[in-house]
């Protein structure tokens, strides 16, 4: 009995890229932190800003405060995340002065 190819693998193979800093098609290795967030900005070249919202507990007032973190991440051409997309990013080596994360996949 033959196995059917997975849909995600077929999408990744169909939309290749020539980026050496792509974790799928290039030689960039990832390690460490894995985060999820929404793309807040895609105005930079091959870079997006991923925003993650979280809550901080204030013990004195017995309440929570909303906060956010904004992380610049490399956006390979094969993934091509746009503003509003939910993405998963992984830590990698420093790619520039501010970028040390790479977008690994779009989440539906």
PDB file of N, CA and C in Angstrom:
ATOM      1  N   UNK A   1       0.832  -1.169   0.000  1.00  0.00           N
ATOM      2  CA  UNK A   1       0.000   0.000   0.000  1.00  0.00           C
ATOM      3  C   UNK A   1       0.889   1.249   0.000  1.00  0.00           C
ATOM      4  N   UNK A   2       0.690   2.129  -0.957  1.00  0.00           N
ATOM      5  CA  UNK A   2       1.510   3.329  -1.080  1.00  0.00           C
ATOM      6  C   UNK A   2       0.946   4.447  -0.211  1.00  0.00           C
ATOM      7  N   UNK A   3       1.857   5.215   0.392  1.00  0.00           N
ATOM      8  CA  UNK A   3       1.431   6.342   1.216  1.00  0.00           C
ATOM      9  C   UNK A   3       1.294   7.589   0.364  1.00  0.00           C
ATOM     10  N   UNK A   4       0.284   8.374   0.674  1.00  0.00           N
ATOM     11  CA  UNK A   4       0.088   9.627  -0.041  1.00  0.00           C
ATOM     12  C   UNK A   4       1.032  10.677   0.538  1.00  0.00           C
ATOM     13  N   UNK A   5       1.584  11.561  -0.302  1.00  0.00           N
ATOM     14  CA  UNK A   5       2.446  12.613   0.242  1.00  0.00           C
ATOM     15  C   UNK A   5       1.622  13.606   1.058  1.00  0.00           C
ATOM     16  N   UNK A   6       2.230  14.130   2.092  1.00  0.00           N
ATOM     17  CA  UNK A   6       1.536  15.093   2.942  1.00  0.00           C
ATOM     18  C   UNK A   6       1.373  16.412   2.211  1.00  0.00           C
ATOM     19  N   UNK A   7       0.290  17.127   2.504  1.00  0.00           N
ATOM     20  CA  UNK A   7      -0.007  18.382   1.814  1.00  0.00           C
ATOM     21  C   UNK A   7       1.023  19.457   2.128  1.00  0.00           C
ATOM     22  N   UNK A   8       1.456  19.560   3.390  1.00  0.00           N
ATOM     23  CA  UNK A   8       2.424  20.586   3.753  1.00  0.00           C
ATOM     24  C   UNK A   8       3.751  20.362   3.038  1.00  0.00           C
ATOM     25  N   UNK A   9       4.195  19.115   2.958  1.00  0.00           N
ATOM     26  CA  UNK A   9       5.451  18.820   2.278  1.00  0.00           C
ATOM     27  C   UNK A   9       5.354  19.160   0.798  1.00  0.00           C
ATOM     28  N   UNK A  10       4.203  18.895   0.199  1.00  0.00           N
ATOM     29  CA  UNK A  10       4.013  19.203  -1.216  1.00  0.00           C
ATOM     30  C   UNK A  10       4.051  20.710  -1.450  1.00  0.00           C
ATOM     31  N   UNK A  11       3.460  21.492  -0.537  1.00  0.00           N
ATOM     32  CA  UNK A  11       3.478  22.945  -0.676  1.00  0.00           C
ATOM     33  C   UNK A  11       4.896  23.483  -0.572  1.00  0.00           C
ATOM     34  N   UNK A  12       5.673  22.954   0.368  1.00  0.00           N
ATOM     35  CA  UNK A  12       7.034  23.433   0.558  1.00  0.00           C
ATOM     36  C   UNK A  12       7.903  23.121  -0.654  1.00  0.00           C
ATOM     37  N   UNK A  13       7.732  21.950  -1.241  1.00  0.00           N
ATOM     38  CA  UNK A  13       8.522  21.578  -2.408  1.00  0.00           C
ATOM     39  C   UNK A  13       8.111  22.376  -3.631  1.00  0.00           C
ATOM     40  N   UNK A  14       6.818  22.661  -3.764  1.00  0.00           N
ATOM     41  CA  UNK A  14       6.329  23.371  -4.936  1.00  0.00           C
ATOM     42  C   UNK A  14       6.804  24.817  -4.953  1.00  0.00           C
ATOM     43  N   UNK A  15       6.938  25.431  -3.789  1.00  0.00           N
ATOM     44  CA  UNK A  15       7.311  26.837  -3.721  1.00  0.00           C
ATOM     45  C   UNK A  15       8.722  26.951  -3.152  1.00  0.00           C
ATOM     46  N   UNK A  16       9.724  26.637  -3.952  1.00  0.00           N
ATOM     47  CA  UNK A  16      11.108  26.680  -3.511  1.00  0.00           C
ATOM     48  C   UNK A  16      11.646  28.097  -3.476  1.00  0.00           C
ATOM     49  N   UNK A  17      12.843  28.257  -2.917  1.00  0.00           N
ATOM     50  CA  UNK A  17      13.476  29.573  -2.890  1.00  0.00           C
ATOM     51  C   UNK A  17      14.988  29.399  -2.986  1.00  0.00           C
ATOM     52  N   UNK A  18      15.667  30.469  -3.329  1.00  0.00           N
ATOM     53  CA  UNK A  18      17.123  30.448  -3.458  1.00  0.00           C
ATOM     54  C   UNK A  18      17.799  31.163  -2.294  1.00  0.00           C
ATOM     55  N   UNK A  19      17.085  31.343  -1.201  1.00  0.00           N
ATOM     56  CA  UNK A  19      17.603  32.064  -0.046  1.00  0.00           C
ATOM     57  C   UNK A  19      18.487  31.139   0.793  1.00  0.00           C
ATOM     58  N   UNK A  20      19.741  31.548   1.039  1.00  0.00           N
ATOM     59  CA  UNK A  20      20.627  30.718   1.861  1.00  0.00           C
ATOM     60  C   UNK A  20      20.222  30.765   3.332  1.00  0.00           C
ATOM     61  N   UNK A  21      19.475  31.796   3.736  1.00  0.00           N
ATOM     62  CA  UNK A  21      19.013  31.922   5.117  1.00  0.00           C
ATOM     63  C   UNK A  21      17.618  31.351   5.322  1.00  0.00           C
ATOM     64  N   UNK A  22      17.211  30.412   4.484  1.00  0.00           N
ATOM     65  CA  UNK A  22      15.925  29.733   4.632  1.00  0.00           C
ATOM     66  C   UNK A  22      16.150  28.439   5.420  1.00  0.00           C
ATOM     67  N   UNK A  23      15.401  28.186   6.496  1.00  0.00           N
ATOM     68  CA  UNK A  23      15.601  26.955   7.254  1.00  0.00           C
ATOM     69  C   UNK A  23      15.115  25.705   6.516  1.00  0.00           C
ATOM     70  N   UNK A  24      14.286  25.869   5.486  1.00  0.00           N
ATOM     71  CA  UNK A  24      13.741  24.732   4.747  1.00  0.00           C
ATOM     72  C   UNK A  24      14.603  24.403   3.532  1.00  0.00           C
ATOM     73  N   UNK A  25      14.896  25.412   2.704  1.00  0.00           N
ATOM     74  CA  UNK A  25      15.625  25.186   1.455  1.00  0.00           C
ATOM     75  C   UNK A  25      17.090  25.587   1.530  1.00  0.00           C
ATOM     76  N   UNK A  26      17.467  26.393   2.511  1.00  0.00           N
ATOM     77  CA  UNK A  26      18.837  26.875   2.634  1.00  0.00           C
ATOM     78  C   UNK A  26      19.614  26.095   3.675  1.00  0.00           C
ATOM     79  N   UNK A  27      20.667  26.716   4.190  1.00  0.00           N
ATOM     80  CA  UNK A  27      21.543  26.027   5.139  1.00  0.00           C
ATOM     81  C   UNK A  27      21.485  26.628   6.546  1.00  0.00           C
ATOM     82  N   UNK A  28      20.448  27.404   6.850  1.00  0.00           N
ATOM     83  CA  UNK A  28      20.334  28.031   8.166  1.00  0.00           C
ATOM     84  C   UNK A  28      19.811  27.028   9.188  1.00  0.00           C
ATOM     85  N   UNK A  29      20.582  26.826  10.259  1.00  0.00           N
ATOM     86  CA  UNK A  29      20.122  25.925  11.317  1.00  0.00           C
ATOM     87  C   UNK A  29      19.451  26.746  12.413  1.00  0.00           C
ATOM     88  N   UNK A  30      18.438  26.155  13.028  1.00  0.00           N
ATOM     89  CA  UNK A  30      17.707  26.831  14.095  1.00  0.00           C
ATOM     90  C   UNK A  30      17.954  26.103  15.405  1.00  0.00           C
ATOM     91  N   UNK A  31      17.807  26.849  16.502  1.00  0.00           N
ATOM     92  CA  UNK A  31      18.033  26.287  17.833  1.00  0.00           C
ATOM     93  C   UNK A  31      17.284  27.146  18.832  1.00  0.00           C
ATOM     94  N   UNK A  32      17.109  26.659  20.022  1.00  0.00           N
ATOM     95  CA  UNK A  32      16.577  27.486  21.099  1.00  0.00           C
ATOM     96  C   UNK A  32      15.089  27.743  21.046  1.00  0.00           C
ATOM     97  N   UNK A  33      14.719  29.001  21.245  1.00  0.00           N
ATOM     98  CA  UNK A  33      13.328  29.393  21.456  1.00  0.00           C
ATOM     99  C   UNK A  33      12.458  29.199  20.223  1.00  0.00           C
ATOM    100  N   UNK A  34      11.222  28.751  20.453  1.00  0.00           N
ATOM    101  CA  UNK A  34      10.198  28.646  19.414  1.00  0.00           C
ATOM    102  C   UNK A  34       9.011  29.470  19.897  1.00  0.00           C
ATOM    103  N   UNK A  35       8.624  30.492  19.113  1.00  0.00           N
ATOM    104  CA  UNK A  35       7.563  31.405  19.520  1.00  0.00           C
ATOM    105  C   UNK A  35       6.495  31.496  18.448  1.00  0.00           C
ATOM    106  N   UNK A  36       5.306  31.907  18.848  1.00  0.00           N
ATOM    107  CA  UNK A  36       4.213  32.146  17.909  1.00  0.00           C
ATOM    108  C   UNK A  36       3.726  33.567  18.095  1.00  0.00           C
ATOM    109  N   UNK A  37       3.266  34.169  16.991  1.00  0.00           N
ATOM    110  CA  UNK A  37       2.748  35.523  17.076  1.00  0.00           C
ATOM    111  C   UNK A  37       2.145  35.951  15.758  1.00  0.00           C
ATOM    112  N   UNK A  38       1.667  37.192  15.724  1.00  0.00           N
ATOM    113  CA  UNK A  38       1.066  37.764  14.524  1.00  0.00           C
ATOM    114  C   UNK A  38       2.056  38.717  13.877  1.00  0.00           C
ATOM    115  N   UNK A  39       2.069  38.741  12.544  1.00  0.00           N
ATOM    116  CA  UNK A  39       2.942  39.661  11.827  1.00  0.00           C
ATOM    117  C   UNK A  39       2.354  41.063  11.955  1.00  0.00           C
ATOM    118  N   UNK A  40       3.134  41.979  12.552  1.00  0.00           N
ATOM    119  CA  UNK A  40       2.681  43.348  12.769  1.00  0.00           C
ATOM    120  C   UNK A  40       3.151  44.272  11.650  1.00  0.00           C
ATOM    121  N   UNK A  41       4.293  43.959  11.025  1.00  0.00           N
ATOM    122  CA  UNK A  41       4.837  44.814   9.976  1.00  0.00           C
ATOM    123  C   UNK A  41       5.652  43.969   9.009  1.00  0.00           C
ATOM    124  N   UNK A  42       5.525  44.271   7.712  1.00  0.00           N
ATOM    125  CA  UNK A  42       6.343  43.595   6.698  1.00  0.00           C
ATOM    126  C   UNK A  42       6.987  44.609   5.753  1.00  0.00           C
ATOM    127  N   UNK A  43       7.292  45.797   6.254  1.00  0.00           N
ATOM    128  CA  UNK A  43       7.816  46.873   5.417  1.00  0.00           C
ATOM    129  C   UNK A  43       9.302  46.726   5.103  1.00  0.00           C
ATOM    130  N   UNK A  44      10.022  45.928   5.880  1.00  0.00           N
ATOM    131  CA  UNK A  44      11.449  45.735   5.630  1.00  0.00           C
ATOM    132  C   UNK A  44      11.658  44.668   4.566  1.00  0.00           C
ATOM    133  N   UNK A  45      12.832  44.673   3.945  1.00  0.00           N
ATOM    134  CA  UNK A  45      13.152  43.710   2.901  1.00  0.00           C
ATOM    135  C   UNK A  45      13.478  42.354   3.530  1.00  0.00           C
ATOM    136  N   UNK A  46      12.678  41.319   3.239  1.00  0.00           N
ATOM    137  CA  UNK A  46      12.854  39.949   3.736  1.00  0.00           C
ATOM    138  C   UNK A  46      12.847  39.865   5.265  1.00  0.00           C
ATOM    139  N   UNK A  47      12.189  40.816   5.924  1.00  0.00           N
ATOM    140  CA  UNK A  47      12.106  40.814   7.381  1.00  0.00           C
ATOM    141  C   UNK A  47      10.711  41.240   7.808  1.00  0.00           C
ATOM    142  N   UNK A  48      10.184  40.582   8.826  1.00  0.00           N
ATOM    143  CA  UNK A  48       8.886  40.957   9.389  1.00  0.00           C
ATOM    144  C   UNK A  48       9.056  41.197  10.886  1.00  0.00           C
ATOM    145  N   UNK A  49       8.125  41.950  11.462  1.00  0.00           N
ATOM    146  CA  UNK A  49       8.089  42.145  12.908  1.00  0.00           C
ATOM    147  C   UNK A  49       6.931  41.316  13.438  1.00  0.00           C
ATOM    148  N   UNK A  50       7.240  40.382  14.332  1.00  0.00           N
ATOM    149  CA  UNK A  50       6.233  39.487  14.902  1.00  0.00           C
ATOM    150  C   UNK A  50       5.887  39.987  16.300  1.00  0.00           C
ATOM    151  N   UNK A  51       4.595  40.210  16.534  1.00  0.00           N
ATOM    152  CA  UNK A  51       4.122  40.722  17.813  1.00  0.00           C
ATOM    153  C   UNK A  51       3.415  39.614  18.573  1.00  0.00           C
ATOM    154  N   UNK A  52       3.789  39.469  19.834  1.00  0.00           N
ATOM    155  CA  UNK A  52       3.192  38.460  20.694  1.00  0.00           C
ATOM    156  C   UNK A  52       2.618  39.147  21.928  1.00  0.00           C
ATOM    157  N   UNK A  53       1.336  38.943  22.201  1.00  0.00           N
ATOM    158  CA  UNK A  53       0.677  39.545  23.360  1.00  0.00           C
ATOM    159  C   UNK A  53       0.661  38.552  24.519  1.00  0.00           C
ATOM    160  N   UNK A  54       0.887  39.060  25.733  1.00  0.00           N
ATOM    161  CA  UNK A  54       0.849  38.207  26.911  1.00  0.00           C
ATOM    162  C   UNK A  54       0.398  39.024  28.110  1.00  0.00           C
ATOM    163  N   UNK A  55       0.094  38.357  29.207  1.00  0.00           N
ATOM    164  CA  UNK A  55      -0.396  39.015  30.417  1.00  0.00           C
ATOM    165  C   UNK A  55       0.632  38.859  31.538  1.00  0.00           C
ATOM    166  N   UNK A  56       0.758  39.919  32.348  1.00  0.00           N
ATOM    167  CA  UNK A  56       1.647  39.919  33.502  1.00  0.00           C
ATOM    168  C   UNK A  56       0.792  40.090  34.752  1.00  0.00           C
ATOM    169  N   UNK A  57       0.994  39.219  35.743  1.00  0.00           N
ATOM    170  CA  UNK A  57       0.210  39.297  36.977  1.00  0.00           C
ATOM    171  C   UNK A  57       0.816  40.339  37.904  1.00  0.00           C
ATOM    172  N   UNK A  58      -0.035  41.234  38.426  1.00  0.00           N
ATOM    173  CA  UNK A  58       0.363  42.224  39.419  1.00  0.00           C
ATOM    174  C   UNK A  58      -0.181  41.766  40.768  1.00  0.00           C
ATOM    175  N   UNK A  59       0.677  41.175  41.589  1.00  0.00           N
ATOM    176  CA  UNK A  59       0.240  40.582  42.857  1.00  0.00           C
ATOM    177  C   UNK A  59      -0.358  41.611  43.810  1.00  0.00           C
ATOM    178  N   UNK A  60       0.202  42.794  43.843  1.00  0.00           N
ATOM    179  CA  UNK A  60      -0.276  43.813  44.779  1.00  0.00           C
ATOM    180  C   UNK A  60      -1.733  44.178  44.527  1.00  0.00           C
ATOM    181  N   UNK A  61      -2.106  44.276  43.248  1.00  0.00           N
ATOM    182  CA  UNK A  61      -3.461  44.687  42.892  1.00  0.00           C
ATOM    183  C   UNK A  61      -4.362  43.518  42.501  1.00  0.00           C
ATOM    184  N   UNK A  62      -3.836  42.311  42.508  1.00  0.00           N
ATOM    185  CA  UNK A  62      -4.572  41.103  42.148  1.00  0.00           C
ATOM    186  C   UNK A  62      -5.260  41.242  40.793  1.00  0.00           C
ATOM    187  N   UNK A  63      -4.507  41.742  39.838  1.00  0.00           N
ATOM    188  CA  UNK A  63      -5.012  41.923  38.480  1.00  0.00           C
ATOM    189  C   UNK A  63      -3.921  41.548  37.487  1.00  0.00           C
ATOM    190  N   UNK A  64      -4.289  41.574  36.211  1.00  0.00           N
ATOM    191  CA  UNK A  64      -3.339  41.295  35.148  1.00  0.00           C
ATOM    192  C   UNK A  64      -3.163  42.530  34.283  1.00  0.00           C
ATOM    193  N   UNK A  65      -1.968  42.702  33.764  1.00  0.00           N
ATOM    194  CA  UNK A  65      -1.666  43.794  32.848  1.00  0.00           C
ATOM    195  C   UNK A  65      -1.297  43.193  31.503  1.00  0.00           C
ATOM    196  N   UNK A  66      -1.844  43.734  30.430  1.00  0.00           N
ATOM    197  CA  UNK A  66      -1.509  43.256  29.094  1.00  0.00           C
ATOM    198  C   UNK A  66      -0.196  43.876  28.651  1.00  0.00           C
ATOM    199  N   UNK A  67       0.623  43.088  27.993  1.00  0.00           N
ATOM    200  CA  UNK A  67       1.884  43.571  27.465  1.00  0.00           C
ATOM    201  C   UNK A  67       2.132  42.893  26.128  1.00  0.00           C
ATOM    202  N   UNK A  68       3.131  43.365  25.394  1.00  0.00           N
ATOM    203  CA  UNK A  68       3.437  42.776  24.092  1.00  0.00           C
ATOM    204  C   UNK A  68       4.940  42.783  23.875  1.00  0.00           C
ATOM    205  N   UNK A  69       5.396  41.872  23.040  1.00  0.00           N
ATOM    206  CA  UNK A  69       6.791  41.858  22.627  1.00  0.00           C
ATOM    207  C   UNK A  69       6.822  41.874  21.108  1.00  0.00           C
ATOM    208  N   UNK A  70       7.737  42.645  20.553  1.00  0.00           N
ATOM    209  CA  UNK A  70       7.874  42.764  19.101  1.00  0.00           C
ATOM    210  C   UNK A  70       9.259  42.265  18.723  1.00  0.00           C
ATOM    211  N   UNK A  71       9.306  41.212  17.896  1.00  0.00           N
ATOM    212  CA  UNK A  71      10.564  40.572  17.540  1.00  0.00           C
ATOM    213  C   UNK A  71      10.745  40.619  16.027  1.00  0.00           C
ATOM    214  N   UNK A  72      11.842  41.214  15.537  1.00  0.00           N
ATOM    215  CA  UNK A  72      12.117  41.167  14.102  1.00  0.00           C
ATOM    216  C   UNK A  72      12.595  39.768  13.711  1.00  0.00           C
ATOM    217  N   UNK A  73      12.078  39.242  12.606  1.00  0.00           N
ATOM    218  CA  UNK A  73      12.437  37.899  12.157  1.00  0.00           C
ATOM    219  C   UNK A  73      12.623  37.886  10.646  1.00  0.00           C
ATOM    220  N   UNK A  74      13.558  37.051  10.176  1.00  0.00           N
ATOM    221  CA  UNK A  74      13.790  36.898   8.739  1.00  0.00           C
ATOM    222  C   UNK A  74      12.593  36.190   8.108  1.00  0.00           C
ATOM    223  N   UNK A  75      12.160  36.683   6.954  1.00  0.00           N
ATOM    224  CA  UNK A  75      10.990  36.145   6.253  1.00  0.00           C
ATOM    225  C   UNK A  75      11.444  35.582   4.904  1.00  0.00           C
ATOM    226  N   UNK A  76      11.682  34.261   4.791  1.00  0.00           N
ATOM    227  CA  UNK A  76      12.129  33.690   3.522  1.00  0.00           C
ATOM    228  C   UNK A  76      11.079  33.849   2.424  1.00  0.00           C
ATOM    229  N   UNK A  77      11.510  33.948   1.154  1.00  0.00           N
ATOM    230  CA  UNK A  77      10.555  34.121   0.050  1.00  0.00           C
ATOM    231  C   UNK A  77       9.567  32.963  -0.094  1.00  0.00           C
ATOM    232  N   UNK A  78       9.944  31.762   0.318  1.00  0.00           N
ATOM    233  CA  UNK A  78       9.031  30.621   0.175  1.00  0.00           C
ATOM    234  C   UNK A  78       7.873  30.698   1.171  1.00  0.00           C
ATOM    235  N   UNK A  79       8.045  31.387   2.281  1.00  0.00           N
ATOM    236  CA  UNK A  79       6.971  31.538   3.267  1.00  0.00           C
ATOM    237  C   UNK A  79       6.188  32.811   3.008  1.00  0.00           C
ATOM    238  N   UNK A  80       6.883  33.923   2.791  1.00  0.00           N
ATOM    239  CA  UNK A  80       6.287  35.199   2.391  1.00  0.00           C
ATOM    240  C   UNK A  80       5.092  35.578   3.274  1.00  0.00           C
ATOM    241  N   UNK A  81       5.340  35.756   4.570  1.00  0.00           N
ATOM    242  CA  UNK A  81       4.283  36.145   5.511  1.00  0.00           C
ATOM    243  C   UNK A  81       3.907  37.609   5.322  1.00  0.00           C
ATOM    244  N   UNK A  82       2.628  37.900   5.436  1.00  0.00           N
ATOM    245  CA  UNK A  82       2.100  39.260   5.292  1.00  0.00           C
ATOM    246  C   UNK A  82       1.518  39.727   6.627  1.00  0.00           C
ATOM    247  N   UNK A  83       1.178  41.005   6.710  1.00  0.00           N
ATOM    248  CA  UNK A  83       0.606  41.577   7.931  1.00  0.00           C
ATOM    249  C   UNK A  83      -0.691  40.849   8.282  1.00  0.00           C
ATOM    250  N   UNK A  84      -0.818  40.453   9.545  1.00  0.00           N
ATOM    251  CA  UNK A  84      -2.016  39.763  10.011  1.00  0.00           C
ATOM    252  C   UNK A  84      -1.884  38.254  10.044  1.00  0.00           C
ATOM    253  N   UNK A  85      -0.870  37.685   9.395  1.00  0.00           N
ATOM    254  CA  UNK A  85      -0.678  36.234   9.400  1.00  0.00           C
ATOM    255  C   UNK A  85      -0.186  35.779  10.774  1.00  0.00           C
ATOM    256  N   UNK A  86      -0.655  34.618  11.203  1.00  0.00           N
ATOM    257  CA  UNK A  86      -0.166  33.986  12.434  1.00  0.00           C
ATOM    258  C   UNK A  86       1.004  33.102  12.026  1.00  0.00           C
ATOM    259  N   UNK A  87       2.181  33.294  12.638  1.00  0.00           N
ATOM    260  CA  UNK A  87       3.386  32.569  12.231  1.00  0.00           C
ATOM    261  C   UNK A  87       4.082  31.959  13.440  1.00  0.00           C
ATOM    262  N   UNK A  88       4.939  30.987  13.154  1.00  0.00           N
ATOM    263  CA  UNK A  88       5.820  30.391  14.157  1.00  0.00           C
ATOM    264  C   UNK A  88       7.244  30.804  13.798  1.00  0.00           C
ATOM    265  N   UNK A  89       7.988  31.320  14.778  1.00  0.00           N
ATOM    266  CA  UNK A  89       9.369  31.726  14.540  1.00  0.00           C
ATOM    267  C   UNK A  89      10.287  30.921  15.452  1.00  0.00           C
ATOM    268  N   UNK A  90      11.525  30.706  14.977  1.00  0.00           N
ATOM    269  CA  UNK A  90      12.522  29.967  15.752  1.00  0.00           C
ATOM    270  C   UNK A  90      13.796  30.780  15.838  1.00  0.00           C
ATOM    271  N   UNK A  91      14.504  30.598  16.914  1.00  0.00           N
ATOM    272  CA  UNK A  91      15.765  31.294  17.120  1.00  0.00           C
ATOM    273  C   UNK A  91      16.839  30.704  16.215  1.00  0.00           C
ATOM    274  N   UNK A  92      17.726  31.563  15.713  1.00  0.00           N
ATOM    275  CA  UNK A  92      18.843  31.125  14.878  1.00  0.00           C
ATOM    276  C   UNK A  92      20.039  32.019  15.190  1.00  0.00           C
ATOM    277  N   UNK A  93      21.103  31.881  14.431  1.00  0.00           N
ATOM    278  CA  UNK A  93      22.257  32.762  14.626  1.00  0.00           C
ATOM    279  C   UNK A  93      21.870  34.179  14.225  1.00  0.00           C
ATOM    280  N   UNK A  94      22.676  35.154  14.593  1.00  0.00           N
ATOM    281  CA  UNK A  94      22.418  36.542  14.229  1.00  0.00           C
ATOM    282  C   UNK A  94      22.507  36.692  12.714  1.00  0.00           C
ATOM    283  N   UNK A  95      21.445  37.233  12.098  1.00  0.00           N
ATOM    284  CA  UNK A  95      21.449  37.486  10.659  1.00  0.00           C
ATOM    285  C   UNK A  95      21.759  38.949  10.367  1.00  0.00           C
ATOM    286  N   UNK A  96      21.497  39.821  11.323  1.00  0.00           N
ATOM    287  CA  UNK A  96      21.845  41.235  11.216  1.00  0.00           C
ATOM    288  C   UNK A  96      21.943  41.790  12.636  1.00  0.00           C
ATOM    289  N   UNK A  97      22.031  43.097  12.745  1.00  0.00           N
ATOM    290  CA  UNK A  97      22.170  43.707  14.068  1.00  0.00           C
ATOM    291  C   UNK A  97      20.968  43.420  14.964  1.00  0.00           C
ATOM    292  N   UNK A  98      19.768  43.362  14.378  1.00  0.00           N
ATOM    293  CA  UNK A  98      18.556  43.181  15.183  1.00  0.00           C
ATOM    294  C   UNK A  98      17.870  41.839  14.971  1.00  0.00           C
ATOM    295  N   UNK A  99      18.185  41.122  13.910  1.00  0.00           N
ATOM    296  CA  UNK A  99      17.443  39.905  13.548  1.00  0.00           C
ATOM    297  C   UNK A  99      18.191  38.658  14.011  1.00  0.00           C
ATOM    298  N   UNK A 100      17.554  37.876  14.897  1.00  0.00           N
ATOM    299  CA  UNK A 100      18.122  36.595  15.314  1.00  0.00           C
ATOM    300  C   UNK A 100      17.043  35.517  15.389  1.00  0.00           C
ATOM    301  N   UNK A 101      15.936  35.726  14.666  1.00  0.00           N
ATOM    302  CA  UNK A 101      14.864  34.744  14.549  1.00  0.00           C
ATOM    303  C   UNK A 101      14.524  34.589  13.076  1.00  0.00           C
ATOM    304  N   UNK A 102      13.913  33.454  12.723  1.00  0.00           N
ATOM    305  CA  UNK A 102      13.492  33.211  11.346  1.00  0.00           C
ATOM    306  C   UNK A 102      12.087  32.620  11.360  1.00  0.00           C
ATOM    307  N   UNK A 103      11.259  33.033  10.397  1.00  0.00           N
ATOM    308  CA  UNK A 103       9.900  32.496  10.272  1.00  0.00           C
ATOM    309  C   UNK A 103      10.016  31.092   9.690  1.00  0.00           C
ATOM    310  N   UNK A 104       9.461  30.094  10.386  1.00  0.00           N
ATOM    311  CA  UNK A 104       9.548  28.718   9.907  1.00  0.00           C
ATOM    312  C   UNK A 104       8.263  28.234   9.257  1.00  0.00           C
ATOM    313  N   UNK A 105       7.108  28.794   9.658  1.00  0.00           N
ATOM    314  CA  UNK A 105       5.856  28.381   9.023  1.00  0.00           C
ATOM    315  C   UNK A 105       4.730  29.351   9.333  1.00  0.00           C
ATOM    316  N   UNK A 106       3.739  29.359   8.448  1.00  0.00           N
ATOM    317  CA  UNK A 106       2.498  30.092   8.688  1.00  0.00           C
ATOM    318  C   UNK A 106       1.528  29.149   9.378  1.00  0.00           C
ATOM    319  N   UNK A 107       0.800  29.660  10.348  1.00  0.00           N
ATOM    320  CA  UNK A 107      -0.209  28.859  11.038  1.00  0.00           C
ATOM    321  C   UNK A 107      -1.577  29.271  10.532  1.00  0.00           C
ATOM    322  N   UNK A 108      -2.465  28.299  10.388  1.00  0.00           N
ATOM    323  CA  UNK A 108      -3.808  28.605   9.885  1.00  0.00           C
ATOM    324  C   UNK A 108      -4.769  28.924  10.989  1.00  0.00           C
TER     325      UNK A 108
END
